[in-house]
Protein backbone atom coordinates (compact mmCIF):
# COMPACT_ATOMS: atom_id res chain seq x y z
CA MET A 1 -20.98 0.52 -7.78
CA ASN A 2 -17.98 2.32 -6.33
CA ARG A 3 -17.06 0.98 -2.90
CA GLY A 4 -13.98 3.10 -2.39
CA PRO A 5 -13.84 6.00 0.03
CA LYS A 6 -15.63 9.15 -1.07
CA LEU A 7 -13.66 12.26 -1.89
CA PRO A 8 -14.04 15.28 0.33
CA PRO A 9 -16.17 17.96 -1.36
CA ASP A 10 -13.15 20.18 -2.06
CA ARG A 11 -11.10 17.43 -3.75
CA LYS A 12 -11.69 16.34 -7.33
CA PRO A 13 -10.54 13.05 -8.85
CA THR A 14 -7.26 13.22 -10.72
CA ALA A 15 -6.10 11.31 -13.76
CA PRO A 16 -3.89 8.39 -12.76
CA PRO A 17 -0.22 8.53 -13.82
CA THR A 18 1.04 6.19 -16.51
CA PRO A 19 3.39 3.33 -15.56
CA PRO A 20 7.11 3.75 -16.27
CA VAL A 21 8.37 1.90 -19.34
CA TRP A 22 10.86 -0.16 -17.30
CA LEU A 23 8.14 -1.99 -15.37
CA SER A 24 7.37 -5.58 -16.32
CA GLU A 25 3.97 -6.35 -17.83
CA GLN A 26 2.71 -7.79 -14.53
CA ALA A 27 3.97 -4.82 -12.53
CA SER A 28 2.43 -2.43 -15.07
CA ASN A 29 -0.94 -4.13 -14.60
CA VAL A 30 -0.66 -3.74 -10.82
CA PHE A 31 0.43 -0.11 -11.32
CA VAL A 32 -2.54 0.75 -13.57
CA THR A 33 -5.08 -0.98 -11.31
CA THR A 34 -3.73 0.62 -8.13
CA ALA A 35 -3.34 4.05 -9.73
CA LYS A 36 -6.97 4.01 -10.91
CA MET A 37 -8.21 3.11 -7.42
CA LEU A 38 -6.03 5.77 -5.79
CA ALA A 39 -7.06 8.43 -8.31
CA ALA A 40 -10.73 7.71 -7.65
CA ALA A 41 -10.37 7.50 -3.88
CA ALA A 42 -7.77 9.93 -2.64
CA GLY A 43 -5.94 11.43 -5.55
CA VAL A 44 -2.61 10.47 -7.01
CA SER A 45 -0.26 12.49 -9.20
CA ASP A 46 2.85 12.08 -11.30
CA VAL A 47 4.91 12.74 -8.18
CA ASP A 48 3.75 9.36 -6.86
CA THR A 49 4.89 7.43 -9.96
CA ASP A 50 8.14 6.04 -8.53
CA LEU A 51 6.54 5.15 -5.21
CA LEU A 52 3.66 3.42 -6.99
CA ALA A 53 6.11 1.63 -9.31
CA ALA A 54 8.09 0.31 -6.32
CA TYR A 55 4.82 -0.85 -4.72
CA SER A 56 3.86 -2.65 -7.95
CA VAL A 57 7.23 -4.41 -8.17
CA ALA A 58 6.93 -5.53 -4.54
CA VAL A 59 3.42 -6.95 -5.18
CA CYS A 60 4.80 -8.92 -8.14
CA GLU A 61 7.73 -10.18 -6.05
CA LEU A 62 5.29 -11.33 -3.37
CA ARG A 63 3.20 -13.18 -5.96
CA SER A 64 6.33 -14.76 -7.43
CA ALA A 65 7.59 -15.93 -4.03
CA ASP A 66 4.15 -17.35 -3.23
CA ALA A 67 4.12 -19.25 -6.53
CA VAL A 68 7.56 -20.74 -5.78
CA LEU A 69 6.48 -21.77 -2.29
CA GLN A 70 3.33 -23.43 -3.66
CA SER A 71 5.45 -25.87 -5.67
CA ALA A 72 8.49 -26.26 -3.40
CA GLU A 73 9.27 -27.50 0.06
CA ARG A 74 9.56 -24.72 2.63
CA TYR A 75 12.66 -26.27 4.22
CA TYR A 76 15.62 -28.22 2.89
CA THR A 77 18.75 -29.83 4.24
CA GLY A 78 21.81 -27.72 3.51
CA PRO A 79 25.23 -29.01 2.48
CA ASN A 80 26.41 -29.22 6.09
CA GLY A 81 23.27 -31.09 7.21
CA ALA A 82 21.51 -28.06 8.74
CA ILE A 83 17.84 -27.52 8.02
CA CYS A 84 17.42 -24.27 6.09
CA SER A 85 14.36 -22.31 5.04
CA HIS A 86 13.67 -21.81 1.35
CA PRO A 87 15.06 -18.47 0.05
CA ALA A 88 11.57 -17.60 -1.25
CA ILE A 89 10.40 -17.31 2.37
CA ARG A 90 12.83 -14.43 2.92
CA ASP A 91 11.85 -12.89 -0.41
CA ARG A 92 8.18 -13.12 0.54
CA ARG A 93 8.76 -11.54 3.96
CA SER A 94 10.83 -8.74 2.42
CA ALA A 95 8.17 -8.01 -0.21
CA MET A 96 5.48 -7.91 2.48
CA GLN A 97 7.49 -5.37 4.48
CA VAL A 98 7.98 -3.17 1.43
CA ILE A 99 4.27 -3.41 0.55
CA ALA A 100 3.26 -2.46 4.09
CA SER A 101 5.61 0.52 4.13
CA LEU A 102 4.69 1.81 0.67
CA SER A 103 0.97 1.21 1.10
CA SER A 104 1.03 3.45 4.16
CA SER A 105 2.84 6.15 2.18
CA LEU A 106 0.41 5.85 -0.74
CA GLY A 107 -2.71 5.82 1.44
CA ILE A 108 -3.62 2.20 0.73
CA GLY A 109 -5.29 0.20 3.49
CA ALA A 110 -7.83 0.81 6.21
CA THR A 111 -5.46 2.61 8.57
CA ALA A 112 -4.22 5.00 5.91
CA ARG A 113 -7.76 5.70 4.70
CA LYS A 114 -8.87 6.39 8.24
CA ARG A 115 -5.91 8.74 8.73
CA ASN A 116 -6.54 10.55 5.42
CA ASN A 117 -10.28 10.97 6.02
CA ALA A 118 -9.84 12.27 9.56
CA LYS A 119 -11.72 15.47 10.28
CA ALA A 120 -9.70 18.64 10.47
CA PRO A 121 -9.46 20.24 13.91
CA THR A 122 -12.00 22.95 14.62
CA ALA A 123 -10.95 26.58 14.78
CA GLU A 124 -11.79 26.85 18.46
CA PRO A 125 -10.38 24.25 20.86
CA VAL A 126 -12.90 22.18 22.77
CA ASP A 127 -12.73 22.54 26.53
CA ARG A 128 -13.50 19.03 27.75
CA LEU A 129 -13.33 20.03 31.40
CA ALA A 130 -15.75 22.96 31.12
CA ARG A 131 -18.61 21.06 32.76
CA TYR A 132 -16.49 20.52 35.90
CA ARG A 133 -15.51 24.15 36.33
CA LYS A 134 -17.54 26.48 38.47
CA GLY A 135 -18.36 29.58 36.71
């Protein structure tokens, strides 16, 4: 059962691009999974490869930072006695910002899907004040 958004009648599914060789195994898995979903839902091409690769790396960085924070204290006392946040918190926040930015560009997420599936404007403009005009 496919729960993704349906393609418009004039758009056919495209074959997903292959991941670049420089991606890690984890990032390649994210790339393949995301590319398949995008190809089925909205279309993705080889032009999107680098953008999708960057998205995949950011997802892996987020997962890595989350794993570090699961086993470490979020705050520590620095050499001068100041309380500092764990560096993984900054890494996690940075990865989340990159994911949000790239997901919008790739058409991932509810807002992007809503924007991409918006109806095209009609040929004739709608006069919303017509009922108030005397004529």
